[in-house]
Amino acid sequence: MMDIVFQVEGFEWDEWNITKNWEKHRVSHFECEEIFLNEPLIIRKDEKHSQMETRYFVSGKTNNNRLLSLAFTIRNNKIRVIMARDMTRKESQTYAKVERNTKV
């Protein structure tokens, strides 16, 4: 699943999506981009919302260790974030387990 993010050429943003994620969850588009550069990164397919296009969920952390969950798709070989928010408690616990298991 990680291969999909290594094949993209960047991010695709529009003003509406940047504003929506900021106003609804106080997540900036810069923070969204940061999680793709930090480890661990947990990606899974969003089967429920993949009728029109393939969508994914991703959990990761920002450079300031903020734990975020995003929904995204890939369009024109770029990551397009659909939704961004702080992780739920359950997501944070799962992420912490993965993080502990990936440390050397």
PDB file of N, CA and C in Angstrom:
ATOM      1  N   MET A   1       0.824  -1.200   0.000  1.00  0.00           N
ATOM      2  CA  MET A   1       0.000   0.000   0.000  1.00  0.00           C
ATOM      3  C   MET A   1       0.869   1.264   0.000  1.00  0.00           C
ATOM      4  N   MET A   2       2.032   1.188   0.633  1.00  0.00           N
ATOM      5  CA  MET A   2       2.915   2.362   0.695  1.00  0.00           C
ATOM      6  C   MET A   2       3.396   2.794  -0.683  1.00  0.00           C
ATOM      7  N   ASP A   3       3.458   1.866  -1.618  1.00  0.00           N
ATOM      8  CA  ASP A   3       3.945   2.191  -2.958  1.00  0.00           C
ATOM      9  C   ASP A   3       3.156   3.315  -3.608  1.00  0.00           C
ATOM     10  N   ILE A   4       1.879   3.413  -3.284  1.00  0.00           N
ATOM     11  CA  ILE A   4       1.062   4.427  -3.954  1.00  0.00           C
ATOM     12  C   ILE A   4       1.544   5.845  -3.663  1.00  0.00           C
ATOM     13  N   VAL A   5       2.036   6.105  -2.471  1.00  0.00           N
ATOM     14  CA  VAL A   5       2.487   7.471  -2.161  1.00  0.00           C
ATOM     15  C   VAL A   5       3.889   7.749  -2.694  1.00  0.00           C
ATOM     16  N   PHE A   6       4.664   6.722  -2.945  1.00  0.00           N
ATOM     17  CA  PHE A   6       6.009   6.935  -3.482  1.00  0.00           C
ATOM     18  C   PHE A   6       5.994   7.191  -4.981  1.00  0.00           C
ATOM     19  N   GLN A   7       4.865   6.932  -5.608  1.00  0.00           N
ATOM     20  CA  GLN A   7       4.755   7.105  -7.053  1.00  0.00           C
ATOM     21  C   GLN A   7       4.156   8.444  -7.459  1.00  0.00           C
ATOM     22  N   VAL A   8       3.696   9.228  -6.495  1.00  0.00           N
ATOM     23  CA  VAL A   8       3.045  10.499  -6.821  1.00  0.00           C
ATOM     24  C   VAL A   8       4.068  11.621  -6.972  1.00  0.00           C
ATOM     25  N   GLU A   9       3.612  12.711  -7.562  1.00  0.00           N
ATOM     26  CA  GLU A   9       4.491  13.849  -7.834  1.00  0.00           C
ATOM     27  C   GLU A   9       4.227  15.049  -6.934  1.00  0.00           C
ATOM     28  N   GLY A  10       3.410  14.882  -5.923  1.00  0.00           N
ATOM     29  CA  GLY A  10       3.120  16.002  -5.031  1.00  0.00           C
ATOM     30  C   GLY A  10       1.669  15.990  -4.601  1.00  0.00           C
ATOM     31  N   PHE A  11       1.135  17.195  -4.364  1.00  0.00           N
ATOM     32  CA  PHE A  11      -0.209  17.348  -3.839  1.00  0.00           C
ATOM     33  C   PHE A  11      -1.030  18.242  -4.746  1.00  0.00           C
ATOM     34  N   GLU A  12      -2.324  17.990  -4.761  1.00  0.00           N
ATOM     35  CA  GLU A  12      -3.268  18.830  -5.500  1.00  0.00           C
ATOM     36  C   GLU A  12      -4.228  19.441  -4.487  1.00  0.00           C
ATOM     37  N   TRP A  13      -4.256  20.764  -4.409  1.00  0.00           N
ATOM     38  CA  TRP A  13      -5.111  21.463  -3.456  1.00  0.00           C
ATOM     39  C   TRP A  13      -6.000  22.453  -4.186  1.00  0.00           C
ATOM     40  N   ASP A  14      -7.177  22.670  -3.631  1.00  0.00           N
ATOM     41  CA  ASP A  14      -7.993  23.794  -4.078  1.00  0.00           C
ATOM     42  C   ASP A  14      -8.400  24.576  -2.832  1.00  0.00           C
ATOM     43  N   GLU A  15      -8.742  25.813  -3.022  1.00  0.00           N
ATOM     44  CA  GLU A  15      -9.025  26.701  -1.896  1.00  0.00           C
ATOM     45  C   GLU A  15     -10.163  26.182  -1.024  1.00  0.00           C
ATOM     46  N   TRP A  16     -11.183  25.580  -1.635  1.00  0.00           N
ATOM     47  CA  TRP A  16     -12.323  25.066  -0.876  1.00  0.00           C
ATOM     48  C   TRP A  16     -11.879  23.976   0.103  1.00  0.00           C
ATOM     49  N   ASN A  17     -11.054  23.044  -0.347  1.00  0.00           N
ATOM     50  CA  ASN A  17     -10.623  21.948   0.515  1.00  0.00           C
ATOM     51  C   ASN A  17      -9.688  22.427   1.617  1.00  0.00           C
ATOM     52  N   ILE A  18      -8.812  23.343   1.301  1.00  0.00           N
ATOM     53  CA  ILE A  18      -7.925  23.913   2.315  1.00  0.00           C
ATOM     54  C   ILE A  18      -8.761  24.586   3.406  1.00  0.00           C
ATOM     55  N   THR A  19      -9.732  25.376   2.999  1.00  0.00           N
ATOM     56  CA  THR A  19     -10.595  26.092   3.941  1.00  0.00           C
ATOM     57  C   THR A  19     -11.450  25.128   4.751  1.00  0.00           C
ATOM     58  N   LYS A  20     -12.026  24.137   4.099  1.00  0.00           N
ATOM     59  CA  LYS A  20     -12.903  23.179   4.790  1.00  0.00           C
ATOM     60  C   LYS A  20     -12.156  22.458   5.906  1.00  0.00           C
ATOM     61  N   ASN A  21     -10.975  21.937   5.624  1.00  0.00           N
ATOM     62  CA  ASN A  21     -10.224  21.209   6.649  1.00  0.00           C
ATOM     63  C   ASN A  21      -9.777  22.124   7.789  1.00  0.00           C
ATOM     64  N   TRP A  22      -9.467  23.365   7.467  1.00  0.00           N
ATOM     65  CA  TRP A  22      -9.066  24.304   8.515  1.00  0.00           C
ATOM     66  C   TRP A  22     -10.262  24.689   9.383  1.00  0.00           C
ATOM     67  N   GLU A  23     -11.369  25.062   8.766  1.00  0.00           N
ATOM     68  CA  GLU A  23     -12.523  25.519   9.533  1.00  0.00           C
ATOM     69  C   GLU A  23     -13.177  24.401  10.342  1.00  0.00           C
ATOM     70  N   LYS A  24     -13.219  23.221   9.786  1.00  0.00           N
ATOM     71  CA  LYS A  24     -13.899  22.117  10.463  1.00  0.00           C
ATOM     72  C   LYS A  24     -13.031  21.454  11.534  1.00  0.00           C
ATOM     73  N   HIS A  25     -11.733  21.290  11.270  1.00  0.00           N
ATOM     74  CA  HIS A  25     -10.879  20.523  12.183  1.00  0.00           C
ATOM     75  C   HIS A  25      -9.584  21.228  12.575  1.00  0.00           C
ATOM     76  N   ARG A  26      -9.383  22.467  12.096  1.00  0.00           N
ATOM     77  CA  ARG A  26      -8.163  23.217  12.390  1.00  0.00           C
ATOM     78  C   ARG A  26      -6.897  22.474  11.956  1.00  0.00           C
ATOM     79  N   VAL A  27      -6.976  21.853  10.779  1.00  0.00           N
ATOM     80  CA  VAL A  27      -5.827  21.160  10.193  1.00  0.00           C
ATOM     81  C   VAL A  27      -5.422  21.932   8.941  1.00  0.00           C
ATOM     82  N   SER A  28      -4.160  22.341   8.891  1.00  0.00           N
ATOM     83  CA  SER A  28      -3.669  23.078   7.720  1.00  0.00           C
ATOM     84  C   SER A  28      -3.222  22.101   6.639  1.00  0.00           C
ATOM     85  N   HIS A  29      -3.181  22.599   5.408  1.00  0.00           N
ATOM     86  CA  HIS A  29      -2.721  21.741   4.319  1.00  0.00           C
ATOM     87  C   HIS A  29      -1.230  21.421   4.466  1.00  0.00           C
ATOM     88  N   PHE A  30      -0.480  22.271   5.139  1.00  0.00           N
ATOM     89  CA  PHE A  30       0.930  21.980   5.393  1.00  0.00           C
ATOM     90  C   PHE A  30       1.077  20.767   6.312  1.00  0.00           C
ATOM     91  N   GLU A  31       0.230  20.707   7.342  1.00  0.00           N
ATOM     92  CA  GLU A  31       0.260  19.560   8.255  1.00  0.00           C
ATOM     93  C   GLU A  31      -0.103  18.274   7.511  1.00  0.00           C
ATOM     94  N   CYS A  32      -1.077  18.363   6.630  1.00  0.00           N
ATOM     95  CA  CYS A  32      -1.469  17.182   5.841  1.00  0.00           C
ATOM     96  C   CYS A  32      -0.285  16.652   5.040  1.00  0.00           C
ATOM     97  N   GLU A  33       0.441  17.530   4.424  1.00  0.00           N
ATOM     98  CA  GLU A  33       1.594  17.129   3.626  1.00  0.00           C
ATOM     99  C   GLU A  33       2.693  16.541   4.504  1.00  0.00           C
ATOM    100  N   GLU A  34       2.886  17.091   5.684  1.00  0.00           N
ATOM    101  CA  GLU A  34       3.948  16.626   6.579  1.00  0.00           C
ATOM    102  C   GLU A  34       3.791  15.161   6.956  1.00  0.00           C
ATOM    103  N   ILE A  35       2.557  14.699   7.161  1.00  0.00           N
ATOM    104  CA  ILE A  35       2.423  13.317   7.636  1.00  0.00           C
ATOM    105  C   ILE A  35       2.947  12.309   6.622  1.00  0.00           C
ATOM    106  N   PHE A  36       2.922  12.663   5.339  1.00  0.00           N
ATOM    107  CA  PHE A  36       3.429  11.745   4.317  1.00  0.00           C
ATOM    108  C   PHE A  36       4.953  11.661   4.338  1.00  0.00           C
ATOM    109  N   LEU A  37       5.599  12.574   5.057  1.00  0.00           N
ATOM    110  CA  LEU A  37       7.062  12.594   5.129  1.00  0.00           C
ATOM    111  C   LEU A  37       7.599  12.004   6.427  1.00  0.00           C
ATOM    112  N   ASN A  38       6.717  11.665   7.361  1.00  0.00           N
ATOM    113  CA  ASN A  38       7.128  11.134   8.655  1.00  0.00           C
ATOM    114  C   ASN A  38       6.696   9.675   8.802  1.00  0.00           C
ATOM    115  N   GLU A  39       7.416   8.964   9.631  1.00  0.00           N
ATOM    116  CA  GLU A  39       7.107   7.553   9.870  1.00  0.00           C
ATOM    117  C   GLU A  39       6.690   7.353  11.303  1.00  0.00           C
ATOM    118  N   PRO A  40       5.878   6.343  11.576  1.00  0.00           N
ATOM    119  CA  PRO A  40       5.277   5.455  10.582  1.00  0.00           C
ATOM    120  C   PRO A  40       4.077   6.122   9.901  1.00  0.00           C
ATOM    121  N   LEU A  41       3.748   5.599   8.773  1.00  0.00           N
ATOM    122  CA  LEU A  41       2.606   6.043   7.988  1.00  0.00           C
ATOM    123  C   LEU A  41       1.737   4.812   7.763  1.00  0.00           C
ATOM    124  N   ILE A  42       0.502   4.863   8.201  1.00  0.00           N
ATOM    125  CA  ILE A  42      -0.407   3.722   8.073  1.00  0.00           C
ATOM    126  C   ILE A  42      -1.439   4.062   7.005  1.00  0.00           C
ATOM    127  N   ILE A  43      -1.466   3.280   5.936  1.00  0.00           N
ATOM    128  CA  ILE A  43      -2.391   3.521   4.824  1.00  0.00           C
ATOM    129  C   ILE A  43      -3.259   2.286   4.629  1.00  0.00           C
ATOM    130  N   ARG A  44      -4.546   2.522   4.436  1.00  0.00           N
ATOM    131  CA  ARG A  44      -5.446   1.427   4.089  1.00  0.00           C
ATOM    132  C   ARG A  44      -6.487   1.951   3.096  1.00  0.00           C
ATOM    133  N   LYS A  45      -7.004   1.053   2.301  1.00  0.00           N
ATOM    134  CA  LYS A  45      -7.996   1.417   1.291  1.00  0.00           C
ATOM    135  C   LYS A  45      -9.335   1.705   1.966  1.00  0.00           C
ATOM    136  N   ASP A  46     -10.032   2.702   1.469  1.00  0.00           N
ATOM    137  CA  ASP A  46     -11.366   3.060   1.937  1.00  0.00           C
ATOM    138  C   ASP A  46     -12.376   2.415   0.993  1.00  0.00           C
ATOM    139  N   GLU A  47     -12.711   1.177   1.275  1.00  0.00           N
ATOM    140  CA  GLU A  47     -13.613   0.411   0.406  1.00  0.00           C
ATOM    141  C   GLU A  47     -14.988   1.068   0.313  1.00  0.00           C
ATOM    142  N   LYS A  48     -15.476   1.588   1.422  1.00  0.00           N
ATOM    143  CA  LYS A  48     -16.824   2.145   1.479  1.00  0.00           C
ATOM    144  C   LYS A  48     -17.015   3.337   0.542  1.00  0.00           C
ATOM    145  N   HIS A  49     -15.974   4.166   0.386  1.00  0.00           N
ATOM    146  CA  HIS A  49     -16.095   5.395  -0.397  1.00  0.00           C
ATOM    147  C   HIS A  49     -15.324   5.341  -1.712  1.00  0.00           C
ATOM    148  N   SER A  50     -15.043   4.140  -2.201  1.00  0.00           N
ATOM    149  CA  SER A  50     -14.234   4.010  -3.415  1.00  0.00           C
ATOM    150  C   SER A  50     -15.058   3.652  -4.654  1.00  0.00           C
ATOM    151  N   GLN A  51     -16.316   4.055  -4.704  1.00  0.00           N
ATOM    152  CA  GLN A  51     -17.137   3.716  -5.860  1.00  0.00           C
ATOM    153  C   GLN A  51     -16.742   4.502  -7.116  1.00  0.00           C
ATOM    154  N   MET A  52     -16.563   5.813  -6.980  1.00  0.00           N
ATOM    155  CA  MET A  52     -16.241   6.657  -8.133  1.00  0.00           C
ATOM    156  C   MET A  52     -14.740   6.703  -8.413  1.00  0.00           C
ATOM    157  N   GLU A  53     -13.944   6.617  -7.378  1.00  0.00           N
ATOM    158  CA  GLU A  53     -12.494   6.616  -7.487  1.00  0.00           C
ATOM    159  C   GLU A  53     -11.933   5.903  -6.261  1.00  0.00           C
ATOM    160  N   THR A  54     -10.717   5.408  -6.367  1.00  0.00           N
ATOM    161  CA  THR A  54     -10.103   4.719  -5.235  1.00  0.00           C
ATOM    162  C   THR A  54      -9.719   5.750  -4.184  1.00  0.00           C
ATOM    163  N   ARG A  55     -10.160   5.480  -2.955  1.00  0.00           N
ATOM    164  CA  ARG A  55      -9.849   6.364  -1.837  1.00  0.00           C
ATOM    165  C   ARG A  55      -9.116   5.581  -0.763  1.00  0.00           C
ATOM    166  N   TYR A  56      -8.359   6.323   0.044  1.00  0.00           N
ATOM    167  CA  TYR A  56      -7.538   5.717   1.080  1.00  0.00           C
ATOM    168  C   TYR A  56      -7.695   6.498   2.379  1.00  0.00           C
ATOM    169  N   PHE A  57      -7.429   5.795   3.487  1.00  0.00           N
ATOM    170  CA  PHE A  57      -7.271   6.421   4.793  1.00  0.00           C
ATOM    171  C   PHE A  57      -5.782   6.380   5.107  1.00  0.00           C
ATOM    172  N   VAL A  58      -5.283   7.403   5.754  1.00  0.00           N
ATOM    173  CA  VAL A  58      -3.895   7.411   6.190  1.00  0.00           C
ATOM    174  C   VAL A  58      -3.828   8.002   7.592  1.00  0.00           C
ATOM    175  N   SER A  59      -2.998   7.406   8.413  1.00  0.00           N
ATOM    176  CA  SER A  59      -2.731   7.913   9.759  1.00  0.00           C
ATOM    177  C   SER A  59      -1.248   8.213   9.851  1.00  0.00           C
ATOM    178  N   GLY A  60      -0.941   9.369  10.396  1.00  0.00           N
ATOM    179  CA  GLY A  60       0.456   9.756  10.525  1.00  0.00           C
ATOM    180  C   GLY A  60       0.605  10.928  11.468  1.00  0.00           C
ATOM    181  N   LYS A  61       1.845  11.402  11.578  1.00  0.00           N
ATOM    182  CA  LYS A  61       2.099  12.519  12.491  1.00  0.00           C
ATOM    183  C   LYS A  61       2.800  13.648  11.761  1.00  0.00           C
ATOM    184  N   THR A  62       2.533  14.853  12.252  1.00  0.00           N
ATOM    185  CA  THR A  62       3.157  16.050  11.692  1.00  0.00           C
ATOM    186  C   THR A  62       4.567  16.210  12.279  1.00  0.00           C
ATOM    187  N   ASN A  63       5.260  17.212  11.821  1.00  0.00           N
ATOM    188  CA  ASN A  63       6.590  17.501  12.371  1.00  0.00           C
ATOM    189  C   ASN A  63       6.522  17.879  13.844  1.00  0.00           C
ATOM    190  N   ASN A  64       5.362  18.359  14.298  1.00  0.00           N
ATOM    191  CA  ASN A  64       5.159  18.706  15.709  1.00  0.00           C
ATOM    192  C   ASN A  64       4.480  17.576  16.481  1.00  0.00           C
ATOM    193  N   ASN A  65       4.482  16.375  15.907  1.00  0.00           N
ATOM    194  CA  ASN A  65       3.911  15.173  16.532  1.00  0.00           C
ATOM    195  C   ASN A  65       2.399  15.224  16.727  1.00  0.00           C
ATOM    196  N   ARG A  66       1.720  16.015  15.958  1.00  0.00           N
ATOM    197  CA  ARG A  66       0.252  15.999  15.963  1.00  0.00           C
ATOM    198  C   ARG A  66      -0.193  14.771  15.175  1.00  0.00           C
ATOM    199  N   LEU A  67      -1.064  13.979  15.766  1.00  0.00           N
ATOM    200  CA  LEU A  67      -1.530  12.754  15.124  1.00  0.00           C
ATOM    201  C   LEU A  67      -2.780  13.045  14.306  1.00  0.00           C
ATOM    202  N   LEU A  68      -2.695  12.782  12.996  1.00  0.00           N
ATOM    203  CA  LEU A  68      -3.797  13.092  12.085  1.00  0.00           C
ATOM    204  C   LEU A  68      -4.255  11.866  11.321  1.00  0.00           C
ATOM    205  N   SER A  69      -5.534  11.881  10.968  1.00  0.00           N
ATOM    206  CA  SER A  69      -6.115  10.904  10.054  1.00  0.00           C
ATOM    207  C   SER A  69      -6.634  11.672   8.854  1.00  0.00           C
ATOM    208  N   LEU A  70      -6.333  11.155   7.679  1.00  0.00           N
ATOM    209  CA  LEU A  70      -6.753  11.803   6.440  1.00  0.00           C
ATOM    210  C   LEU A  70      -7.447  10.789   5.553  1.00  0.00           C
ATOM    211  N   ALA A  71      -8.345  11.287   4.728  1.00  0.00           N
ATOM    212  CA  ALA A  71      -8.871  10.518   3.606  1.00  0.00           C
ATOM    213  C   ALA A  71      -8.303  11.201   2.370  1.00  0.00           C
ATOM    214  N   PHE A  72      -7.839  10.398   1.409  1.00  0.00           N
ATOM    215  CA  PHE A  72      -7.269  10.994   0.208  1.00  0.00           C
ATOM    216  C   PHE A  72      -7.494  10.095  -0.996  1.00  0.00           C
ATOM    217  N   THR A  73      -7.304  10.678  -2.146  1.00  0.00           N
ATOM    218  CA  THR A  73      -7.323   9.946  -3.398  1.00  0.00           C
ATOM    219  C   THR A  73      -6.125  10.413  -4.207  1.00  0.00           C
ATOM    220  N   ILE A  74      -5.892   9.770  -5.313  1.00  0.00           N
ATOM    221  CA  ILE A  74      -4.809  10.207  -6.199  1.00  0.00           C
ATOM    222  C   ILE A  74      -5.430  10.613  -7.521  1.00  0.00           C
ATOM    223  N   ARG A  75      -5.184  11.862  -7.901  1.00  0.00           N
ATOM    224  CA  ARG A  75      -5.671  12.411  -9.172  1.00  0.00           C
ATOM    225  C   ARG A  75      -4.501  13.050  -9.894  1.00  0.00           C
ATOM    226  N   ASN A  76      -4.409  12.771 -11.170  1.00  0.00           N
ATOM    227  CA  ASN A  76      -3.338  13.364 -11.984  1.00  0.00           C
ATOM    228  C   ASN A  76      -1.970  13.129 -11.355  1.00  0.00           C
ATOM    229  N   ASN A  77      -1.790  11.946 -10.780  1.00  0.00           N
ATOM    230  CA  ASN A  77      -0.535  11.530 -10.157  1.00  0.00           C
ATOM    231  C   ASN A  77      -0.153  12.407  -8.957  1.00  0.00           C
ATOM    232  N   LYS A  78      -1.180  12.989  -8.311  1.00  0.00           N
ATOM    233  CA  LYS A  78      -0.956  13.817  -7.119  1.00  0.00           C
ATOM    234  C   LYS A  78      -1.924  13.389  -6.020  1.00  0.00           C
ATOM    235  N   ILE A  79      -1.479  13.534  -4.773  1.00  0.00           N
ATOM    236  CA  ILE A  79      -2.330  13.243  -3.620  1.00  0.00           C
ATOM    237  C   ILE A  79      -3.311  14.388  -3.455  1.00  0.00           C
ATOM    238  N   ARG A  80      -4.590  14.047  -3.367  1.00  0.00           N
ATOM    239  CA  ARG A  80      -5.640  15.037  -3.126  1.00  0.00           C
ATOM    240  C   ARG A  80      -6.330  14.671  -1.814  1.00  0.00           C
ATOM    241  N   VAL A  81      -6.092  15.478  -0.795  1.00  0.00           N
ATOM    242  CA  VAL A  81      -6.678  15.231   0.523  1.00  0.00           C
ATOM    243  C   VAL A  81      -8.150  15.616   0.484  1.00  0.00           C
ATOM    244  N   ILE A  82      -8.977  14.703   0.935  1.00  0.00           N
ATOM    245  CA  ILE A  82     -10.424  14.921   0.953  1.00  0.00           C
ATOM    246  C   ILE A  82     -10.872  15.411   2.327  1.00  0.00           C
ATOM    247  N   MET A  83     -10.298  14.831   3.374  1.00  0.00           N
ATOM    248  CA  MET A  83     -10.682  15.153   4.745  1.00  0.00           C
ATOM    249  C   MET A  83      -9.466  14.990   5.630  1.00  0.00           C
ATOM    250  N   ALA A  84      -9.333  15.858   6.623  1.00  0.00           N
ATOM    251  CA  ALA A  84      -8.231  15.776   7.588  1.00  0.00           C
ATOM    252  C   ALA A  84      -8.756  16.138   8.968  1.00  0.00           C
ATOM    253  N   ARG A  85      -8.349  15.348   9.966  1.00  0.00           N
ATOM    254  CA  ARG A  85      -8.783  15.590  11.345  1.00  0.00           C
ATOM    255  C   ARG A  85      -7.786  14.945  12.290  1.00  0.00           C
ATOM    256  N   ASP A  86      -7.910  15.282  13.582  1.00  0.00           N
ATOM    257  CA  ASP A  86      -7.106  14.615  14.591  1.00  0.00           C
ATOM    258  C   ASP A  86      -7.565  13.163  14.711  1.00  0.00           C
ATOM    259  N   MET A  87      -6.621  12.287  15.048  1.00  0.00           N
ATOM    260  CA  MET A  87      -6.968  10.885  15.245  1.00  0.00           C
ATOM    261  C   MET A  87      -7.915  10.731  16.429  1.00  0.00           C
ATOM    262  N   THR A  88      -8.779   9.725  16.349  1.00  0.00           N
ATOM    263  CA  THR A  88      -9.600   9.362  17.499  1.00  0.00           C
ATOM    264  C   THR A  88      -8.704   8.654  18.514  1.00  0.00           C
ATOM    265  N   ARG A  89      -9.214   8.428  19.706  1.00  0.00           N
ATOM    266  CA  ARG A  89      -8.437   7.718  20.727  1.00  0.00           C
ATOM    267  C   ARG A  89      -8.038   6.320  20.231  1.00  0.00           C
ATOM    268  N   LYS A  90      -8.958   5.619  19.617  1.00  0.00           N
ATOM    269  CA  LYS A  90      -8.666   4.269  19.117  1.00  0.00           C
ATOM    270  C   LYS A  90      -7.594   4.315  18.023  1.00  0.00           C
ATOM    271  N   GLU A  91      -7.704   5.271  17.115  1.00  0.00           N
ATOM    272  CA  GLU A  91      -6.700   5.417  16.060  1.00  0.00           C
ATOM    273  C   GLU A  91      -5.334   5.746  16.656  1.00  0.00           C
ATOM    274  N   SER A  92      -5.315   6.606  17.673  1.00  0.00           N
ATOM    275  CA  SER A  92      -4.055   6.976  18.333  1.00  0.00           C
ATOM    276  C   SER A  92      -3.410   5.774  19.000  1.00  0.00           C
ATOM    277  N   GLN A  93      -4.217   4.930  19.631  1.00  0.00           N
ATOM    278  CA  GLN A  93      -3.694   3.727  20.281  1.00  0.00           C
ATOM    279  C   GLN A  93      -3.109   2.764  19.246  1.00  0.00           C
ATOM    280  N   THR A  94      -3.807   2.571  18.140  1.00  0.00           N
ATOM    281  CA  THR A  94      -3.302   1.708  17.071  1.00  0.00           C
ATOM    282  C   THR A  94      -2.002   2.269  16.506  1.00  0.00           C
ATOM    283  N   TYR A  95      -1.967   3.584  16.284  1.00  0.00           N
ATOM    284  CA  TYR A  95      -0.776   4.225  15.749  1.00  0.00           C
ATOM    285  C   TYR A  95       0.403   4.059  16.706  1.00  0.00           C
ATOM    286  N   ALA A  96       0.172   4.216  18.000  1.00  0.00           N
ATOM    287  CA  ALA A  96       1.237   4.067  19.001  1.00  0.00           C
ATOM    288  C   ALA A  96       1.811   2.661  18.985  1.00  0.00           C
ATOM    289  N   LYS A  97       0.958   1.664  18.811  1.00  0.00           N
ATOM    290  CA  LYS A  97       1.439   0.273  18.738  1.00  0.00           C
ATOM    291  C   LYS A  97       2.332   0.072  17.518  1.00  0.00           C
ATOM    292  N   VAL A  98       1.895   0.594  16.384  1.00  0.00           N
ATOM    293  CA  VAL A  98       2.705   0.474  15.155  1.00  0.00           C
ATOM    294  C   VAL A  98       4.021   1.221  15.330  1.00  0.00           C
ATOM    295  N   GLU A  99       3.955   2.396  15.921  1.00  0.00           N
ATOM    296  CA  GLU A  99       5.162   3.201  16.121  1.00  0.00           C
ATOM    297  C   GLU A  99       6.168   2.476  17.017  1.00  0.00           C
ATOM    298  N   ARG A 100       5.686   1.859  18.085  1.00  0.00           N
ATOM    299  CA  ARG A 100       6.575   1.100  18.981  1.00  0.00           C
ATOM    300  C   ARG A 100       7.226  -0.065  18.249  1.00  0.00           C
ATOM    301  N   ASN A 101       6.473  -0.718  17.388  1.00  0.00           N
ATOM    302  CA  ASN A 101       6.992  -1.893  16.667  1.00  0.00           C
ATOM    303  C   ASN A 101       7.936  -1.533  15.528  1.00  0.00           C
ATOM    304  N   THR A 102       7.938  -0.283  15.084  1.00  0.00           N
ATOM    305  CA  THR A 102       8.819   0.105  13.979  1.00  0.00           C
ATOM    306  C   THR A 102      10.107   0.765  14.449  1.00  0.00           C
ATOM    307  N   LYS A 103      10.198   1.078  15.743  1.00  0.00           N
ATOM    308  CA  LYS A 103      11.433   1.705  16.248  1.00  0.00           C
ATOM    309  C   LYS A 103      12.531   0.652  16.360  1.00  0.00           C
ATOM    310  N   VAL A 104      13.722   1.083  16.027  1.00  0.00           N
ATOM    311  CA  VAL A 104      14.864   0.171  16.049  1.00  0.00           C
ATOM    312  C   VAL A 104      15.498   0.165  17.411  1.00  0.00           C
TER     313      VAL A 104
END
